[in-house]
Amino acid sequence: MEITDFIDHLTGFQPYQLPEEEILPTVRELETVQRMVVAVMADLTAEAEARSLHVVHGCRSVAVLLRDTLVLSPYEARRRARLVKELPSLPETARALREGDIQAEHVFVIADTLRVLPAEHHDDAERELAKHARTLNHKELEKAGKYLRALLDPDGVFAEEQDSIAKRGLKAHQDANGNTIIRGVLDPEAGEAFMTAMQSLATPRKDDDRTPEQRNADALIELVRVAMASQGLPMQGGERPQVIITISYEALLAGLSVGWTSWSGPLSAQLVRKIACDSTAIPVVLDGNGVPLDYGREKRTAPKALRKALAVRDEGCAFPGCDRPPAWTEAHHVVHWINGGETNLGNMVLLCSHHHHVIHQEEWEIVFEAGLPVFLPPAWIDPAREPRRNIRLAAVAG
């Protein structure tokens, strides 16, 4: 079949006419064809480069020729040009691509793996990786390549590890809106520990509408809060690390105006009230010029005995459907302490950071029945506002 005939066949192809049992086999056949086309395109591009067609057309490289001729993105053009560069030195890999058994990504993984192996192992390693590439996706093949390198070049793995450790680093700064921008690189060991801890906190909850990125951000701040609550961090100025927010008593009471932090700038009074639920309040009297005249004692912090009692009663975040343990929670005042709410078992409930935000920002209400917290959803979630309990507490209540 001529290429034009094949194109005409695809143009008139009607998937809805296929019987159900033929859909997946047809998808597999087309995937094989697509991979074979990639190999043929690479051969044609190599021929174009050998005849210097990019020079004839006034392009500085074959990647630019592909970009302009095929209207490709610069990334895709560079990717195809790289394929042309890598395939000649990878005979078994090229054969697998021409037979439609692997993708271009497999080629790049094999090339990258061989690049860090001693030259005497290249031929055997390429054959082995090309064989496994026919049954592994490119991410799985990456792992196989790392395993192969560990067997063939353990000294190189160690040297690369040391280089990775030396390259570690992290930058954090605030933008104009007070958001903290974090960029960093962790070495493999630190990265493994970080990903393990973060993913344990970033799993979606029931009816979770957060994006993966939002879940990761929430998980990171939960890790920070757990570390700060553990009292295991180094002392600063004779005290453990703490977030300091300055706001007038009147503004905090009314939920108006803003509070000020040391790093991020202004926070709304509503957010400050949320933070104050499980934080120490220290009154400071200022004169008209903002100079401190009197620095009071800590007030309203939940004592350790109360935290233990809350942990025994709630067994973690009490919000319906949440499974966060006590160590990852904050003590929330149902009637805010600034409004006269008492710091006791009958006015407090454990909430994880995410559900603490939910309670403060949405129209959920918390009441106590038989000494246990019960949650009343907003009318827009349940018009009847039927009470809900966390399944742990429901079991206790019977």
Protein backbone atom coordinates (compact mmCIF):
# COMPACT_ATOMS: atom_id res chain seq x y z
CA MET A 1 0.00 0.00 0.00
CA GLU A 2 1.33 3.43 -0.95
CA ILE A 3 1.65 6.00 1.84
CA THR A 4 -1.02 8.15 0.19
CA ASP A 5 -3.38 5.16 0.10
CA PHE A 6 -2.76 4.55 3.80
CA ILE A 7 -3.43 8.21 4.58
CA ASP A 8 -6.66 8.06 2.60
CA HIS A 9 -7.66 4.93 4.53
CA LEU A 10 -7.08 6.67 7.87
CA THR A 11 -8.92 9.78 6.73
CA GLY A 12 -12.05 7.77 5.98
CA PHE A 13 -11.74 5.52 9.04
CA GLN A 14 -14.94 5.32 11.13
CA PRO A 15 -14.27 3.84 14.62
CA TYR A 16 -17.98 3.46 15.43
CA GLN A 17 -18.26 0.86 12.65
CA LEU A 18 -15.87 -1.52 14.44
CA PRO A 19 -17.27 -4.40 16.52
CA GLU A 20 -16.39 -4.06 20.20
CA GLU A 21 -13.97 -7.00 20.13
CA GLU A 22 -11.90 -5.32 17.39
CA ILE A 23 -11.37 -1.94 19.08
CA LEU A 24 -8.41 -2.81 21.31
CA PRO A 25 -6.63 -4.96 18.67
CA THR A 26 -6.95 -2.05 16.24
CA VAL A 27 -5.55 0.35 18.84
CA ARG A 28 -2.58 -1.96 19.34
CA GLU A 29 -2.00 -2.24 15.59
CA LEU A 30 -2.09 1.52 15.15
CA GLU A 31 0.32 1.98 18.06
CA THR A 32 2.74 -0.42 16.36
CA VAL A 33 2.38 1.50 13.09
CA GLN A 34 2.94 4.80 14.89
CA ARG A 35 6.17 3.51 16.44
CA MET A 36 7.37 2.20 13.08
CA VAL A 37 6.62 5.59 11.53
CA VAL A 38 8.80 7.22 14.21
CA ALA A 39 11.68 4.97 13.13
CA VAL A 40 11.16 5.76 9.45
CA MET A 41 10.96 9.49 10.24
CA ALA A 42 14.25 9.21 12.11
CA ASP A 43 15.87 7.50 9.10
CA LEU A 44 14.53 10.17 6.73
CA THR A 45 15.73 12.94 9.03
CA ALA A 46 19.17 11.34 9.22
CA GLU A 47 19.27 11.26 5.41
CA ALA A 48 18.22 14.91 5.26
CA GLU A 49 21.03 15.79 7.65
CA ALA A 50 23.55 13.72 5.68
CA ARG A 51 22.63 15.67 2.52
CA SER A 52 22.82 18.98 4.46
CA LEU A 53 19.23 19.90 3.61
CA HIS A 54 19.12 22.13 6.68
CA VAL A 55 21.92 24.21 5.12
CA VAL A 56 20.13 24.32 1.76
CA HIS A 57 17.02 25.66 3.50
CA GLY A 58 18.96 28.21 5.54
CA CYS A 59 18.56 26.47 8.91
CA ARG A 60 21.39 26.21 11.43
CA SER A 61 20.51 22.61 12.37
CA VAL A 62 18.28 19.72 11.44
CA ALA A 63 16.18 20.46 14.56
CA VAL A 64 15.38 23.93 13.20
CA LEU A 65 14.59 22.40 9.79
CA LEU A 66 12.10 20.02 11.41
CA ARG A 67 10.61 22.82 13.50
CA ASP A 68 10.00 25.06 10.49
CA THR A 69 9.01 22.38 7.97
CA LEU A 70 6.64 20.41 10.21
CA VAL A 71 5.52 23.32 12.43
CA LEU A 72 6.77 21.58 15.56
CA SER A 73 7.43 23.02 18.98
CA PRO A 74 11.15 23.62 19.65
CA TYR A 75 11.05 20.85 22.28
CA GLU A 76 9.57 18.27 19.89
CA ALA A 77 12.01 19.27 17.13
CA ARG A 78 14.99 18.81 19.47
CA ARG A 79 13.56 15.49 20.65
CA ARG A 80 13.37 14.14 17.08
CA ALA A 81 16.83 15.43 16.24
CA ARG A 82 18.17 13.63 19.31
CA LEU A 83 16.60 10.40 18.11
CA VAL A 84 18.57 10.77 14.87
CA LYS A 85 21.75 11.25 16.89
CA GLU A 86 21.26 8.31 19.27
CA LEU A 87 19.99 5.50 17.02
CA PRO A 88 23.14 4.80 14.93
CA SER A 89 25.07 3.67 18.04
CA LEU A 90 22.18 1.53 19.33
CA PRO A 91 21.62 -1.25 16.77
CA GLU A 92 19.38 -3.52 18.89
CA THR A 93 17.36 -0.56 20.12
CA ALA A 94 16.93 0.77 16.58
CA ARG A 95 15.73 -2.67 15.44
CA ALA A 96 13.14 -2.79 18.23
CA LEU A 97 11.91 0.67 17.26
CA ARG A 98 11.64 -0.25 13.56
CA GLU A 99 9.64 -3.35 14.52
CA GLY A 100 7.23 -1.17 16.49
CA ASP A 101 7.97 -2.80 19.84
CA ILE A 102 9.32 0.27 21.69
CA GLN A 103 8.83 4.04 21.80
CA ALA A 104 11.23 6.93 21.33
CA GLU A 105 11.32 7.36 25.14
CA HIS A 106 12.86 3.89 25.44
CA VAL A 107 15.65 4.97 23.10
CA PHE A 108 16.48 7.98 25.27
CA VAL A 109 16.48 5.89 28.47
CA ILE A 110 18.87 3.35 26.94
CA ALA A 111 21.15 6.09 25.60
CA ASP A 112 21.23 7.87 28.97
CA THR A 113 22.00 4.60 30.78
CA LEU A 114 24.87 3.69 28.48
CA ARG A 115 26.32 7.18 28.78
CA VAL A 116 27.15 6.59 32.46
CA LEU A 117 28.42 3.00 32.04
CA PRO A 118 32.03 2.05 31.34
CA ALA A 119 32.55 1.65 27.57
CA GLU A 120 33.43 -2.07 27.82
CA HIS A 121 29.87 -2.82 28.96
CA HIS A 122 28.02 -0.85 26.27
CA ASP A 123 27.30 -3.63 23.75
CA ASP A 124 26.04 -6.17 26.29
CA ALA A 125 24.08 -3.58 28.22
CA GLU A 126 22.42 -2.21 25.09
CA ARG A 127 21.28 -5.68 24.01
CA GLU A 128 19.92 -6.42 27.48
CA LEU A 129 18.09 -3.12 27.82
CA ALA A 130 16.64 -3.32 24.29
CA LYS A 131 15.29 -6.78 25.11
CA HIS A 132 13.60 -5.60 28.30
CA ALA A 133 12.33 -2.42 26.62
CA ARG A 134 9.90 -4.54 24.60
CA THR A 135 7.99 -5.44 27.78
CA LEU A 136 8.61 -2.44 30.08
CA ASN A 137 7.40 1.14 29.86
CA HIS A 138 10.15 3.75 29.84
CA LYS A 139 9.85 4.50 33.59
CA GLU A 140 10.23 0.82 34.42
CA LEU A 141 13.15 0.66 32.03
CA GLU A 142 14.81 3.54 33.90
CA LYS A 143 14.71 1.46 37.08
CA ALA A 144 16.12 -1.54 35.21
CA GLY A 145 18.92 0.69 33.89
CA LYS A 146 19.76 1.91 37.38
CA TYR A 147 19.85 -1.67 38.64
CA LEU A 148 22.13 -2.68 35.78
CA ARG A 149 24.47 0.20 36.49
CA ALA A 150 24.60 -0.70 40.18
CA LEU A 151 25.77 -4.19 39.17
CA LEU A 152 28.29 -3.10 36.54
CA ASP A 153 29.64 0.14 37.98
CA PRO A 154 29.14 0.43 41.78
CA ASP A 155 32.01 2.94 42.03
CA GLY A 156 30.25 5.18 39.52
CA VAL A 157 27.02 4.98 41.50
CA PHE A 158 28.86 6.06 44.65
CA ALA A 159 30.55 8.96 42.87
CA GLU A 160 27.22 10.11 41.45
CA GLU A 161 25.64 9.94 44.89
CA GLN A 162 28.35 12.15 46.32
CA ASP A 163 27.86 14.60 43.48
CA SER A 164 24.11 14.66 44.14
CA ILE A 165 24.68 15.38 47.82
CA ALA A 166 26.99 18.27 46.93
CA LYS A 167 24.31 19.72 44.61
CA ARG A 168 21.57 19.76 47.24
CA GLY A 169 20.03 23.13 47.98
CA LEU A 170 16.81 24.98 48.72
CA LYS A 171 15.64 28.55 48.17
CA ALA A 172 12.55 30.14 49.66
CA HIS A 173 11.28 33.70 49.23
CA GLN A 174 8.04 35.63 49.48
CA ASP A 175 6.32 37.21 46.49
CA ALA A 176 4.36 40.46 46.55
CA ASN A 177 1.23 38.67 47.85
CA GLY A 178 3.04 36.98 50.75
CA ASN A 179 3.10 33.55 49.09
CA THR A 180 6.25 31.55 49.79
CA ILE A 181 7.98 30.28 46.63
CA ILE A 182 10.11 27.17 47.22
CA ARG A 183 12.66 25.75 44.79
CA GLY A 184 15.14 23.09 45.70
CA VAL A 185 17.06 19.91 44.98
CA LEU A 186 17.36 17.00 47.42
CA ASP A 187 19.91 14.22 47.13
CA PRO A 188 18.49 10.69 46.59
CA GLU A 189 18.49 9.69 50.27
CA ALA A 190 16.88 12.93 51.45
CA GLY A 191 14.46 12.86 48.52
CA GLU A 192 13.34 9.33 49.38
CA ALA A 193 12.68 10.32 52.99
CA PHE A 194 10.83 13.47 51.91
CA MET A 195 8.66 11.73 49.30
CA THR A 196 7.80 8.90 51.71
CA ALA A 197 6.73 11.31 54.45
CA MET A 198 4.91 13.67 52.10
CA GLN A 199 2.98 10.97 50.25
CA SER A 200 1.76 9.53 53.55
CA LEU A 201 0.03 12.89 54.14
CA ALA A 202 -0.94 13.72 50.55
CA THR A 203 -3.29 10.82 49.85
CA PRO A 204 -6.75 12.04 48.79
CA ARG A 205 -9.44 12.09 51.46
CA LYS A 206 -13.07 11.18 50.90
CA ASP A 207 -14.74 13.76 48.62
CA ASP A 208 -11.35 15.50 48.27
CA ASP A 209 -11.53 18.23 45.61
CA ARG A 210 -7.92 19.39 46.03
CA THR A 211 -5.49 19.09 43.12
CA PRO A 212 -2.42 16.87 43.56
CA GLU A 213 -0.33 20.02 43.85
CA GLN A 214 -2.58 21.37 46.61
CA ARG A 215 -2.44 18.06 48.47
CA ASN A 216 1.37 18.10 48.28
CA ALA A 217 1.49 21.67 49.60
CA ASP A 218 -0.85 20.77 52.48
CA ALA A 219 1.27 17.70 53.24
CA LEU A 220 4.43 19.79 53.41
CA ILE A 221 2.94 22.25 55.89
CA GLU A 222 1.60 19.36 57.99
CA LEU A 223 5.15 18.03 58.21
CA VAL A 224 6.33 21.46 59.34
CA ARG A 225 3.59 21.74 61.96
CA VAL A 226 4.32 18.27 63.33
CA ALA A 227 8.00 19.21 63.64
CA MET A 228 7.17 22.49 65.42
CA ALA A 229 4.74 20.78 67.78
CA SER A 230 7.26 18.08 68.68
CA GLN A 231 9.43 20.59 70.56
CA GLY A 232 12.44 18.86 69.05
CA LEU A 233 13.60 21.79 66.93
CA PRO A 234 16.63 23.85 68.03
CA MET A 235 15.95 26.80 70.31
CA GLN A 236 16.01 30.31 68.87
CA GLY A 237 16.74 33.13 71.27
CA GLY A 238 15.98 30.81 74.19
CA GLU A 239 12.58 29.74 72.79
CA ARG A 240 11.38 27.05 70.40
CA PRO A 241 10.53 28.27 66.84
CA GLN A 242 7.20 30.07 66.72
CA VAL A 243 5.06 32.06 64.33
CA ILE A 244 4.48 35.60 65.59
CA ILE A 245 1.41 37.51 64.42
CA THR A 246 0.64 41.04 65.53
CA ILE A 247 -3.01 42.20 65.54
CA SER A 248 -5.07 44.49 67.74
CA TYR A 249 -7.43 42.91 70.24
CA GLU A 250 -10.39 44.80 68.75
CA ALA A 251 -9.63 43.58 65.21
CA LEU A 252 -9.22 39.98 66.37
CA LEU A 253 -12.49 40.15 68.33
CA ALA A 254 -14.44 41.60 65.39
CA GLY A 255 -12.76 39.47 62.71
CA LEU A 256 -11.87 42.61 60.76
CA SER A 257 -8.67 44.27 59.50
CA VAL A 258 -5.41 42.29 59.25
CA GLY A 259 -2.60 40.85 61.34
CA TRP A 260 1.10 41.06 60.51
CA THR A 261 3.71 38.30 60.45
CA SER A 262 7.49 38.37 60.47
CA TRP A 263 7.82 36.82 57.00
CA SER A 264 4.68 36.84 54.89
CA GLY A 265 3.15 40.24 55.64
CA PRO A 266 -0.57 40.77 56.23
CA LEU A 267 -3.04 37.99 57.12
CA SER A 268 -6.79 38.45 57.32
CA ALA A 269 -8.31 38.59 60.80
CA GLN A 270 -10.37 35.49 59.92
CA LEU A 271 -7.18 33.51 59.22
CA VAL A 272 -5.58 34.85 62.40
CA ARG A 273 -8.60 33.63 64.39
CA LYS A 274 -8.10 30.18 62.86
CA ILE A 275 -4.39 30.18 63.76
CA ALA A 276 -5.20 31.37 67.28
CA CYS A 277 -7.33 28.27 67.92
CA ASP A 278 -4.28 26.19 68.82
CA SER A 279 -1.66 28.86 69.50
CA THR A 280 -0.35 30.76 72.45
CA ALA A 281 -1.59 34.34 72.82
CA ILE A 282 0.74 36.86 74.42
CA PRO A 283 -0.73 40.33 75.04
CA VAL A 284 1.65 43.23 74.37
CA VAL A 285 0.65 46.79 75.28
CA LEU A 286 2.01 49.39 72.82
CA ASP A 287 2.17 53.16 73.12
CA GLY A 288 1.01 55.54 70.40
CA ASN A 289 4.29 55.08 68.53
CA GLY A 290 4.15 51.29 68.58
CA VAL A 291 6.73 50.90 71.35
CA PRO A 292 6.00 47.94 73.68
CA LEU A 293 5.16 49.11 77.21
CA ASP A 294 4.14 45.80 78.77
CA TYR A 295 4.72 42.20 77.70
CA GLY A 296 2.21 39.83 79.31
CA ARG A 297 2.34 36.14 80.08
CA GLU A 298 1.22 33.38 77.74
CA LYS A 299 -2.54 32.81 77.78
CA ARG A 300 -5.05 30.29 76.58
CA THR A 301 -2.72 27.54 75.41
CA ALA A 302 -4.19 24.04 75.74
CA PRO A 303 -2.25 22.24 78.52
CA LYS A 304 -0.66 18.86 77.83
CA ALA A 305 -3.23 17.05 79.94
CA LEU A 306 -6.05 18.52 77.82
CA ARG A 307 -4.28 17.58 74.58
CA LYS A 308 -4.00 14.01 75.87
CA ALA A 309 -7.67 13.96 76.80
CA LEU A 310 -8.64 15.24 73.36
CA ALA A 311 -6.43 12.57 71.75
CA VAL A 312 -8.12 9.83 73.80
CA ARG A 313 -11.62 11.10 72.98
CA ASP A 314 -11.22 12.06 69.29
CA GLU A 315 -8.40 9.62 68.35
CA GLY A 316 -7.28 12.10 65.69
CA CYS A 317 -9.07 14.58 63.43
CA ALA A 318 -12.75 14.37 64.39
CA PHE A 319 -14.07 15.63 61.03
CA PRO A 320 -16.27 13.00 59.34
CA GLY A 321 -14.22 10.73 57.10
CA CYS A 322 -10.77 11.98 58.18
CA ASP A 323 -8.12 9.54 59.43
CA ARG A 324 -5.35 11.93 60.53
CA PRO A 325 -3.83 10.82 63.89
CA PRO A 326 -3.66 13.12 66.96
CA ALA A 327 -0.05 14.15 66.29
CA TRP A 328 -1.14 15.77 63.00
CA THR A 329 -4.01 17.79 64.45
CA GLU A 330 -4.68 21.20 66.00
CA ALA A 331 -7.00 21.90 68.94
CA HIS A 332 -9.98 23.94 67.72
CA HIS A 333 -12.19 26.04 70.02
CA VAL A 334 -15.83 25.48 69.04
CA VAL A 335 -16.72 28.79 70.69
CA HIS A 336 -13.64 30.87 69.97
CA TRP A 337 -11.65 31.78 73.08
CA ILE A 338 -11.65 35.43 72.01
CA ASN A 339 -15.46 35.29 72.26
CA GLY A 340 -15.40 33.81 75.73
CA GLY A 341 -15.06 30.14 74.77
CA GLU A 342 -13.35 28.08 77.42
CA THR A 343 -10.25 25.97 76.94
CA ASN A 344 -11.72 22.68 78.09
CA LEU A 345 -12.82 19.30 76.79
CA GLY A 346 -16.41 20.45 76.27
CA ASN A 347 -15.41 23.27 73.93
CA MET A 348 -12.52 21.80 71.97
CA VAL A 349 -12.08 19.28 69.18
CA LEU A 350 -9.07 17.98 67.26
CA LEU A 351 -8.91 18.90 63.56
CA CYS A 352 -6.21 18.39 60.95
CA SER A 353 -4.97 21.52 59.21
CA HIS A 354 -7.14 20.97 56.13
CA HIS A 355 -10.38 20.47 58.06
CA HIS A 356 -9.47 23.29 60.44
CA HIS A 357 -9.54 25.56 57.39
CA VAL A 358 -12.84 24.01 56.28
CA ILE A 359 -14.48 24.73 59.64
CA HIS A 360 -13.29 28.35 59.66
CA GLN A 361 -14.02 29.13 56.01
CA GLU A 362 -17.24 27.23 55.35
CA GLU A 363 -20.55 27.00 57.18
CA TRP A 364 -20.02 23.82 59.14
CA GLU A 365 -21.11 23.84 62.79
CA ILE A 366 -19.91 21.69 65.67
CA VAL A 367 -22.10 20.69 68.60
CA PHE A 368 -21.60 18.13 71.36
CA GLU A 369 -23.88 15.17 71.96
CA ALA A 370 -23.15 12.89 74.90
CA GLY A 371 -19.78 14.62 75.21
CA LEU A 372 -18.73 13.82 71.62
CA PRO A 373 -18.37 16.33 68.75
CA VAL A 374 -21.00 16.21 66.02
CA PHE A 375 -20.69 18.09 62.72
CA LEU A 376 -23.60 19.84 61.00
CA PRO A 377 -22.90 20.37 57.29
CA PRO A 378 -23.81 23.59 55.46
CA ALA A 379 -27.23 23.67 53.81
CA TRP A 380 -25.60 23.75 50.36
CA ILE A 381 -24.08 20.33 51.10
CA ASP A 382 -27.11 18.84 52.89
CA PRO A 383 -30.33 20.91 53.01
CA ALA A 384 -31.49 18.81 55.98
CA ARG A 385 -28.17 19.41 57.79
CA GLU A 386 -28.16 15.87 59.19
CA PRO A 387 -25.53 15.46 61.95
CA ARG A 388 -22.37 13.61 60.99
CA ARG A 389 -19.69 11.95 63.08
CA ASN A 390 -16.30 10.52 62.29
CA ILE A 391 -16.70 6.74 62.14
CA ARG A 392 -14.33 6.36 65.12
CA LEU A 393 -16.60 8.52 67.29
CA ALA A 394 -19.75 6.95 65.85
CA ALA A 395 -18.48 3.57 67.02
CA VAL A 396 -17.90 4.93 70.51
CA ALA A 397 -21.33 6.56 70.61
CA GLY A 398 -22.96 3.39 69.46
